[in-house]
PDB file of N, CA and C in Angstrom:
ATOM      1  N   MET A   1       0.846  -1.180   0.000  1.00  0.00           N
ATOM      2  CA  MET A   1       0.000   0.000   0.000  1.00  0.00           C
ATOM      3  C   MET A   1       0.892   1.245   0.000  1.00  0.00           C
ATOM      4  N   ALA A   2       0.689   2.138  -0.928  1.00  0.00           N
ATOM      5  CA  ALA A   2       1.497   3.348  -1.042  1.00  0.00           C
ATOM      6  C   ALA A   2       1.078   4.354   0.026  1.00  0.00           C
ATOM      7  N   ASP A   3       2.023   5.179   0.431  1.00  0.00           N
ATOM      8  CA  ASP A   3       1.712   6.220   1.407  1.00  0.00           C
ATOM      9  C   ASP A   3       0.718   7.207   0.815  1.00  0.00           C
ATOM     10  N   LEU A   4      -0.255   7.608   1.605  1.00  0.00           N
ATOM     11  CA  LEU A   4      -1.216   8.623   1.187  1.00  0.00           C
ATOM     12  C   LEU A   4      -0.669   9.967   1.634  1.00  0.00           C
ATOM     13  N   THR A   5      -0.404  10.847   0.679  1.00  0.00           N
ATOM     14  CA  THR A   5       0.129  12.174   0.963  1.00  0.00           C
ATOM     15  C   THR A   5      -0.849  13.209   0.442  1.00  0.00           C
ATOM     16  N   VAL A   6      -1.124  14.210   1.264  1.00  0.00           N
ATOM     17  CA  VAL A   6      -2.121  15.216   0.906  1.00  0.00           C
ATOM     18  C   VAL A   6      -1.641  16.595   1.346  1.00  0.00           C
ATOM     19  N   PRO A   7      -1.792  17.621   0.497  1.00  0.00           N
ATOM     20  CA  PRO A   7      -1.442  18.980   0.926  1.00  0.00           C
ATOM     21  C   PRO A   7      -2.363  19.441   2.059  1.00  0.00           C
ATOM     22  N   SER A   8      -1.864  20.311   2.923  1.00  0.00           N
ATOM     23  CA  SER A   8      -2.639  20.750   4.089  1.00  0.00           C
ATOM     24  C   SER A   8      -3.949  21.415   3.692  1.00  0.00           C
ATOM     25  N   THR A   9      -3.969  22.186   2.609  1.00  0.00           N
ATOM     26  CA  THR A   9      -5.226  22.822   2.200  1.00  0.00           C
ATOM     27  C   THR A   9      -6.253  21.780   1.770  1.00  0.00           C
ATOM     28  N   GLU A  10      -5.814  20.746   1.092  1.00  0.00           N
ATOM     29  CA  GLU A  10      -6.707  19.654   0.704  1.00  0.00           C
ATOM     30  C   GLU A  10      -7.219  18.933   1.949  1.00  0.00           C
ATOM     31  N   PHE A  11      -6.332  18.712   2.920  1.00  0.00           N
ATOM     32  CA  PHE A  11      -6.750  18.070   4.167  1.00  0.00           C
ATOM     33  C   PHE A  11      -7.823  18.911   4.860  1.00  0.00           C
ATOM     34  N   GLN A  12      -7.623  20.218   4.926  1.00  0.00           N
ATOM     35  CA  GLN A  12      -8.597  21.094   5.577  1.00  0.00           C
ATOM     36  C   GLN A  12      -9.954  21.019   4.874  1.00  0.00           C
ATOM     37  N   ASN A  13      -9.937  20.960   3.567  1.00  0.00           N
ATOM     38  CA  ASN A  13     -11.186  20.936   2.800  1.00  0.00           C
ATOM     39  C   ASN A  13     -11.925  19.611   2.896  1.00  0.00           C
ATOM     40  N   ARG A  14     -11.195  18.528   3.133  1.00  0.00           N
ATOM     41  CA  ARG A  14     -11.821  17.207   3.129  1.00  0.00           C
ATOM     42  C   ARG A  14     -11.376  16.386   4.339  1.00  0.00           C
ATOM     43  N   ALA A  15     -11.343  17.004   5.496  1.00  0.00           N
ATOM     44  CA  ALA A  15     -10.828  16.358   6.714  1.00  0.00           C
ATOM     45  C   ALA A  15     -11.556  15.054   7.015  1.00  0.00           C
ATOM     46  N   GLY A  16     -12.848  15.022   6.860  1.00  0.00           N
ATOM     47  CA  GLY A  16     -13.618  13.809   7.146  1.00  0.00           C
ATOM     48  C   GLY A  16     -13.137  12.612   6.349  1.00  0.00           C
ATOM     49  N   LEU A  17     -12.871  12.830   5.074  1.00  0.00           N
ATOM     50  CA  LEU A  17     -12.370  11.761   4.213  1.00  0.00           C
ATOM     51  C   LEU A  17     -11.041  11.223   4.732  1.00  0.00           C
ATOM     52  N   TYR A  18     -10.135  12.127   5.088  1.00  0.00           N
ATOM     53  CA  TYR A  18      -8.808  11.703   5.516  1.00  0.00           C
ATOM     54  C   TYR A  18      -8.817  11.110   6.920  1.00  0.00           C
ATOM     55  N   LEU A  19      -9.769  11.520   7.747  1.00  0.00           N
ATOM     56  CA  LEU A  19      -9.922  10.863   9.053  1.00  0.00           C
ATOM     57  C   LEU A  19     -10.308   9.401   8.850  1.00  0.00           C
ATOM     58  N   GLU A  20     -11.180   9.146   7.904  1.00  0.00           N
ATOM     59  CA  GLU A  20     -11.567   7.763   7.596  1.00  0.00           C
ATOM     60  C   GLU A  20     -10.404   6.988   6.989  1.00  0.00           C
ATOM     61  N   ARG A  21      -9.662   7.615   6.103  1.00  0.00           N
ATOM     62  CA  ARG A  21      -8.530   6.935   5.461  1.00  0.00           C
ATOM     63  C   ARG A  21      -7.451   6.584   6.467  1.00  0.00           C
ATOM     64  N   ALA A  22      -7.286   7.438   7.496  1.00  0.00           N
ATOM     65  CA  ALA A  22      -6.257   7.195   8.508  1.00  0.00           C
ATOM     66  C   ALA A  22      -6.549   5.942   9.324  1.00  0.00           C
ATOM     67  N   ALA A  23      -7.782   5.468   9.294  1.00  0.00           N
ATOM     68  CA  ALA A  23      -8.105   4.218   9.986  1.00  0.00           C
ATOM     69  C   ALA A  23      -7.466   3.034   9.281  1.00  0.00           C
ATOM     70  N   LYS A  24      -7.146   3.195   8.005  1.00  0.00           N
ATOM     71  CA  LYS A  24      -6.583   2.105   7.209  1.00  0.00           C
ATOM     72  C   LYS A  24      -5.097   2.269   6.912  1.00  0.00           C
ATOM     73  N   GLU A  25      -4.645   3.523   6.849  1.00  0.00           N
ATOM     74  CA  GLU A  25      -3.248   3.796   6.513  1.00  0.00           C
ATOM     75  C   GLU A  25      -2.874   5.189   7.007  1.00  0.00           C
ATOM     76  N   PRO A  26      -1.592   5.426   7.263  1.00  0.00           N
ATOM     77  CA  PRO A  26      -1.172   6.767   7.671  1.00  0.00           C
ATOM     78  C   PRO A  26      -1.454   7.777   6.558  1.00  0.00           C
ATOM     79  N   VAL A  27      -1.849   8.975   6.953  1.00  0.00           N
ATOM     80  CA  VAL A  27      -2.071  10.067   6.004  1.00  0.00           C
ATOM     81  C   VAL A  27      -0.996  11.113   6.277  1.00  0.00           C
ATOM     82  N   PHE A  28      -0.129  11.330   5.312  1.00  0.00           N
ATOM     83  CA  PHE A  28       0.945  12.304   5.440  1.00  0.00           C
ATOM     84  C   PHE A  28       0.441  13.646   4.924  1.00  0.00           C
ATOM     85  N   ILE A  29       0.493  14.664   5.770  1.00  0.00           N
ATOM     86  CA  ILE A  29       0.013  15.994   5.412  1.00  0.00           C
ATOM     87  C   ILE A  29       1.225  16.862   5.118  1.00  0.00           C
ATOM     88  N   THR A  30       1.187  17.540   3.976  1.00  0.00           N
ATOM     89  CA  THR A  30       2.328  18.346   3.554  1.00  0.00           C
ATOM     90  C   THR A  30       1.983  19.832   3.540  1.00  0.00           C
ATOM     91  N   ARG A  31       3.008  20.638   3.661  1.00  0.00           N
ATOM     92  CA  ARG A  31       2.903  22.084   3.483  1.00  0.00           C
ATOM     93  C   ARG A  31       4.091  22.475   2.609  1.00  0.00           C
ATOM     94  N   HIS A  32       3.816  23.108   1.511  1.00  0.00           N
ATOM     95  CA  HIS A  32       4.850  23.469   0.534  1.00  0.00           C
ATOM     96  C   HIS A  32       5.641  22.229   0.105  1.00  0.00           C
ATOM     97  N   ARG A  33       4.903  21.134  -0.092  1.00  0.00           N
ATOM     98  CA  ARG A  33       5.436  19.849  -0.558  1.00  0.00           C
ATOM     99  C   ARG A  33       6.360  19.150   0.439  1.00  0.00           C
ATOM    100  N   ARG A  34       6.389  19.630   1.673  1.00  0.00           N
ATOM    101  CA  ARG A  34       7.217  18.997   2.692  1.00  0.00           C
ATOM    102  C   ARG A  34       6.311  18.390   3.761  1.00  0.00           C
ATOM    103  N   PRO A  35       6.555  17.154   4.181  1.00  0.00           N
ATOM    104  CA  PRO A  35       5.725  16.537   5.218  1.00  0.00           C
ATOM    105  C   PRO A  35       5.807  17.322   6.525  1.00  0.00           C
ATOM    106  N   VAL A  36       4.641  17.607   7.122  1.00  0.00           N
ATOM    107  CA  VAL A  36       4.612  18.337   8.388  1.00  0.00           C
ATOM    108  C   VAL A  36       3.866  17.576   9.484  1.00  0.00           C
ATOM    109  N   ARG A  37       2.957  16.680   9.117  1.00  0.00           N
ATOM    110  CA  ARG A  37       2.192  15.907  10.090  1.00  0.00           C
ATOM    111  C   ARG A  37       1.859  14.549   9.506  1.00  0.00           C
ATOM    112  N   VAL A  38       1.573  13.603  10.402  1.00  0.00           N
ATOM    113  CA  VAL A  38       1.089  12.281  10.002  1.00  0.00           C
ATOM    114  C   VAL A  38      -0.148  11.990  10.831  1.00  0.00           C
ATOM    115  N   LEU A  39      -1.217  11.644  10.167  1.00  0.00           N
ATOM    116  CA  LEU A  39      -2.463  11.286  10.840  1.00  0.00           C
ATOM    117  C   LEU A  39      -2.548   9.766  10.857  1.00  0.00           C
ATOM    118  N   ILE A  40      -2.631   9.197  12.071  1.00  0.00           N
ATOM    119  CA  ILE A  40      -2.700   7.746  12.205  1.00  0.00           C
ATOM    120  C   ILE A  40      -3.890   7.368  13.083  1.00  0.00           C
ATOM    121  N   ASP A  41      -4.295   6.133  12.972  1.00  0.00           N
ATOM    122  CA  ASP A  41      -5.391   5.602  13.768  1.00  0.00           C
ATOM    123  C   ASP A  41      -4.996   5.599  15.246  1.00  0.00           C
ATOM    124  N   ILE A  42      -5.957   5.818  16.128  1.00  0.00           N
ATOM    125  CA  ILE A  42      -5.679   5.903  17.566  1.00  0.00           C
ATOM    126  C   ILE A  42      -5.059   4.613  18.097  1.00  0.00           C
ATOM    127  N   GLU A  43      -5.485   3.455  17.593  1.00  0.00           N
ATOM    128  CA  GLU A  43      -4.902   2.195  18.065  1.00  0.00           C
ATOM    129  C   GLU A  43      -3.426   2.085  17.700  1.00  0.00           C
ATOM    130  N   GLU A  44      -3.082   2.582  16.520  1.00  0.00           N
ATOM    131  CA  GLU A  44      -1.668   2.576  16.122  1.00  0.00           C
ATOM    132  C   GLU A  44      -0.871   3.530  17.007  1.00  0.00           C
ATOM    133  N   TYR A  45      -1.428   4.686  17.298  1.00  0.00           N
ATOM    134  CA  TYR A  45      -0.767   5.632  18.183  1.00  0.00           C
ATOM    135  C   TYR A  45      -0.526   5.013  19.557  1.00  0.00           C
ATOM    136  N   GLU A  46      -1.560   4.383  20.113  1.00  0.00           N
ATOM    137  CA  GLU A  46      -1.430   3.764  21.430  1.00  0.00           C
ATOM    138  C   GLU A  46      -0.406   2.633  21.417  1.00  0.00           C
ATOM    139  N   ARG A  47      -0.359   1.871  20.336  1.00  0.00           N
ATOM    140  CA  ARG A  47       0.635   0.803  20.212  1.00  0.00           C
ATOM    141  C   ARG A  47       2.043   1.386  20.210  1.00  0.00           C
ATOM    142  N   LEU A  48       2.237   2.458  19.461  1.00  0.00           N
ATOM    143  CA  LEU A  48       3.556   3.097  19.417  1.00  0.00           C
ATOM    144  C   LEU A  48       3.944   3.689  20.769  1.00  0.00           C
ATOM    145  N   MET A  49       2.994   4.315  21.442  1.00  0.00           N
ATOM    146  CA  MET A  49       3.293   4.913  22.742  1.00  0.00           C
ATOM    147  C   MET A  49       3.624   3.853  23.786  1.00  0.00           C
ATOM    148  N   ALA A  50       2.995   2.703  23.700  1.00  0.00           N
ATOM    149  CA  ALA A  50       3.276   1.627  24.652  1.00  0.00           C
ATOM    150  C   ALA A  50       4.703   1.120  24.508  1.00  0.00           C
ATOM    151  N   ARG A  51       5.266   1.262  23.325  1.00  0.00           N
ATOM    152  CA  ARG A  51       6.642   0.815  23.078  1.00  0.00           C
ATOM    153  C   ARG A  51       7.679   1.894  23.360  1.00  0.00           C
ATOM    154  N   ASP A  52       7.239   3.119  23.611  1.00  0.00           N
ATOM    155  CA  ASP A  52       8.150   4.247  23.837  1.00  0.00           C
ATOM    156  C   ASP A  52       8.715   4.164  25.251  1.00  0.00           C
ATOM    157  N   THR A  53       9.985   3.898  25.365  1.00  0.00           N
ATOM    158  CA  THR A  53      10.622   3.756  26.678  1.00  0.00           C
ATOM    159  C   THR A  53      11.448   4.982  27.057  1.00  0.00           C
ATOM    160  N   ARG A  54      11.358   6.033  26.259  1.00  0.00           N
ATOM    161  CA  ARG A  54      12.122   7.237  26.593  1.00  0.00           C
ATOM    162  C   ARG A  54      11.590   7.857  27.866  1.00  0.00           C
ATOM    163  N   GLN A  55      12.484   8.502  28.604  1.00  0.00           N
ATOM    164  CA  GLN A  55      12.060   9.236  29.783  1.00  0.00           C
ATOM    165  C   GLN A  55      12.923  10.472  29.935  1.00  0.00           C
ATOM    166  N   ALA A  56      12.315  11.533  30.391  1.00  0.00           N
ATOM    167  CA  ALA A  56      13.031  12.786  30.585  1.00  0.00           C
ATOM    168  C   ALA A  56      13.481  12.881  32.036  1.00  0.00           C
ATOM    169  N   ILE A  57      14.715  13.321  32.218  1.00  0.00           N
ATOM    170  CA  ILE A  57      15.218  13.568  33.568  1.00  0.00           C
ATOM    171  C   ILE A  57      15.890  14.930  33.587  1.00  0.00           C
ATOM    172  N   THR A  58      15.941  15.523  34.742  1.00  0.00           N
ATOM    173  CA  THR A  58      16.593  16.820  34.898  1.00  0.00           C
ATOM    174  C   THR A  58      17.978  16.599  35.499  1.00  0.00           C
ATOM    175  N   PRO A  59      18.878  17.571  35.348  1.00  0.00           N
ATOM    176  CA  PRO A  59      20.208  17.416  35.959  1.00  0.00           C
ATOM    177  C   PRO A  59      20.138  17.144  37.455  1.00  0.00           C
ATOM    178  N   GLY A  60      19.130  17.680  38.140  1.00  0.00           N
ATOM    179  CA  GLY A  60      18.993  17.455  39.577  1.00  0.00           C
ATOM    180  C   GLY A  60      18.724  16.011  39.955  1.00  0.00           C
ATOM    181  N   GLU A  61      18.288  15.208  39.018  1.00  0.00           N
ATOM    182  CA  GLU A  61      18.002  13.798  39.269  1.00  0.00           C
ATOM    183  C   GLU A  61      19.213  12.895  39.015  1.00  0.00           C
ATOM    184  N   LEU A  62      20.303  13.475  38.521  1.00  0.00           N
ATOM    185  CA  LEU A  62      21.496  12.688  38.205  1.00  0.00           C
ATOM    186  C   LEU A  62      22.406  12.552  39.411  1.00  0.00           C
ATOM    187  N   SER A  63      23.133  11.454  39.442  1.00  0.00           N
ATOM    188  CA  SER A  63      24.125  11.262  40.507  1.00  0.00           C
ATOM    189  C   SER A  63      25.325  12.160  40.224  1.00  0.00           C
ATOM    190  N   GLU A  64      26.160  12.330  41.231  1.00  0.00           N
ATOM    191  CA  GLU A  64      27.365  13.148  41.050  1.00  0.00           C
ATOM    192  C   GLU A  64      28.249  12.562  39.954  1.00  0.00           C
ATOM    193  N   GLU A  65      28.353  11.255  39.919  1.00  0.00           N
ATOM    194  CA  GLU A  65      29.163  10.581  38.895  1.00  0.00           C
ATOM    195  C   GLU A  65      28.617  10.853  37.491  1.00  0.00           C
ATOM    196  N   GLU A  66      27.305  10.818  37.338  1.00  0.00           N
ATOM    197  CA  GLU A  66      26.694  11.079  36.027  1.00  0.00           C
ATOM    198  C   GLU A  66      26.895  12.530  35.604  1.00  0.00           C
ATOM    199  N   LEU A  67      26.799  13.457  36.570  1.00  0.00           N
ATOM    200  CA  LEU A  67      27.027  14.866  36.258  1.00  0.00           C
ATOM    201  C   LEU A  67      28.456  15.108  35.797  1.00  0.00           C
ATOM    202  N   VAL A  68      29.420  14.512  36.500  1.00  0.00           N
ATOM    203  CA  VAL A  68      30.829  14.659  36.119  1.00  0.00           C
ATOM    204  C   VAL A  68      31.044  14.115  34.716  1.00  0.00           C
ATOM    205  N   SER A  69      30.445  12.977  34.432  1.00  0.00           N
ATOM    206  CA  SER A  69      30.571  12.381  33.108  1.00  0.00           C
ATOM    207  C   SER A  69      30.018  13.302  32.026  1.00  0.00           C
ATOM    208  N   LEU A  70      28.893  13.933  32.307  1.00  0.00           N
ATOM    209  CA  LEU A  70      28.291  14.837  31.323  1.00  0.00           C
ATOM    210  C   LEU A  70      29.099  16.117  31.148  1.00  0.00           C
ATOM    211  N   GLU A  71      29.762  16.544  32.213  1.00  0.00           N
ATOM    212  CA  GLU A  71      30.535  17.780  32.154  1.00  0.00           C
ATOM    213  C   GLU A  71      31.882  17.589  31.459  1.00  0.00           C
ATOM    214  N   THR A  72      32.283  16.346  31.243  1.00  0.00           N
ATOM    215  CA  THR A  72      33.526  16.069  30.546  1.00  0.00           C
ATOM    216  C   THR A  72      33.420  16.596  29.126  1.00  0.00           C
ATOM    217  N   ASP A  73      34.482  17.205  28.652  1.00  0.00           N
ATOM    218  CA  ASP A  73      34.476  17.780  27.308  1.00  0.00           C
ATOM    219  C   ASP A  73      34.261  16.689  26.270  1.00  0.00           C
ATOM    220  N   HIS A  74      33.183  16.795  25.545  1.00  0.00           N
ATOM    221  CA  HIS A  74      32.883  15.846  24.475  1.00  0.00           C
ATOM    222  C   HIS A  74      33.135  16.459  23.099  1.00  0.00           C
ATOM    223  N   GLY A  75      33.884  17.540  23.088  1.00  0.00           N
ATOM    224  CA  GLY A  75      34.264  18.160  21.833  1.00  0.00           C
ATOM    225  C   GLY A  75      33.316  19.270  21.412  1.00  0.00           C
ATOM    226  N   PRO A  76      33.766  20.080  20.441  1.00  0.00           N
ATOM    227  CA  PRO A  76      32.974  21.246  20.006  1.00  0.00           C
ATOM    228  C   PRO A  76      31.666  20.862  19.312  1.00  0.00           C
ATOM    229  N   ARG A  77      31.589  19.658  18.803  1.00  0.00           N
ATOM    230  CA  ARG A  77      30.372  19.226  18.104  1.00  0.00           C
ATOM    231  C   ARG A  77      29.141  19.293  19.007  1.00  0.00           C
ATOM    232  N   ASN A  78      29.331  19.077  20.312  1.00  0.00           N
ATOM    233  CA  ASN A  78      28.213  19.068  21.247  1.00  0.00           C
ATOM    234  C   ASN A  78      28.206  20.276  22.185  1.00  0.00           C
ATOM    235  N   ALA A  79      28.987  21.302  21.871  1.00  0.00           N
ATOM    236  CA  ALA A  79      29.075  22.478  22.744  1.00  0.00           C
ATOM    237  C   ALA A  79      27.718  23.152  22.922  1.00  0.00           C
ATOM    238  N   HIS A  80      26.856  23.082  21.923  1.00  0.00           N
ATOM    239  CA  HIS A  80      25.537  23.713  22.016  1.00  0.00           C
ATOM    240  C   HIS A  80      24.662  23.069  23.099  1.00  0.00           C
ATOM    241  N   LEU A  81      25.039  21.887  23.577  1.00  0.00           N
ATOM    242  CA  LEU A  81      24.268  21.209  24.615  1.00  0.00           C
ATOM    243  C   LEU A  81      24.644  21.675  26.024  1.00  0.00           C
ATOM    244  N   ASP A  82      25.754  22.418  26.151  1.00  0.00           N
ATOM    245  CA  ASP A  82      26.211  22.859  27.464  1.00  0.00           C
ATOM    246  C   ASP A  82      25.153  23.672  28.209  1.00  0.00           C
ATOM    247  N   ARG A  83      24.340  24.428  27.485  1.00  0.00           N
ATOM    248  CA  ARG A  83      23.332  25.258  28.135  1.00  0.00           C
ATOM    249  C   ARG A  83      22.291  24.429  28.878  1.00  0.00           C
ATOM    250  N   LEU A  84      22.150  23.167  28.525  1.00  0.00           N
ATOM    251  CA  LEU A  84      21.182  22.300  29.196  1.00  0.00           C
ATOM    252  C   LEU A  84      21.613  21.947  30.608  1.00  0.00           C
ATOM    253  N   MET A  85      22.867  22.124  30.915  1.00  0.00           N
ATOM    254  CA  MET A  85      23.389  21.778  32.241  1.00  0.00           C
ATOM    255  C   MET A  85      23.225  22.926  33.244  1.00  0.00           C
ATOM    256  N   ASP A  86      22.745  24.066  32.805  1.00  0.00           N
ATOM    257  CA  ASP A  86      22.564  25.202  33.717  1.00  0.00           C
ATOM    258  C   ASP A  86      21.324  25.053  34.564  1.00  0.00           C
TER     259      ASP A  86
END
């Protein structure tokens, strides 16, 4: 089954149709020919979320050893991440 791709203006004009189509396949919504959103069935969303094991933590939740490890210079490529440690 090929991906269903629709411009955002078309989606706005015929949202009901694409809500029904999303029950069978993902609907990729584009703006200026670039994908910006994907409409999927709620069961598929719930299945994906159940598999998501990511978790957010703050620096205050890290051990001293973990903080020291993060503060070690990892090179200029990641210098933009230093602000997250403040």
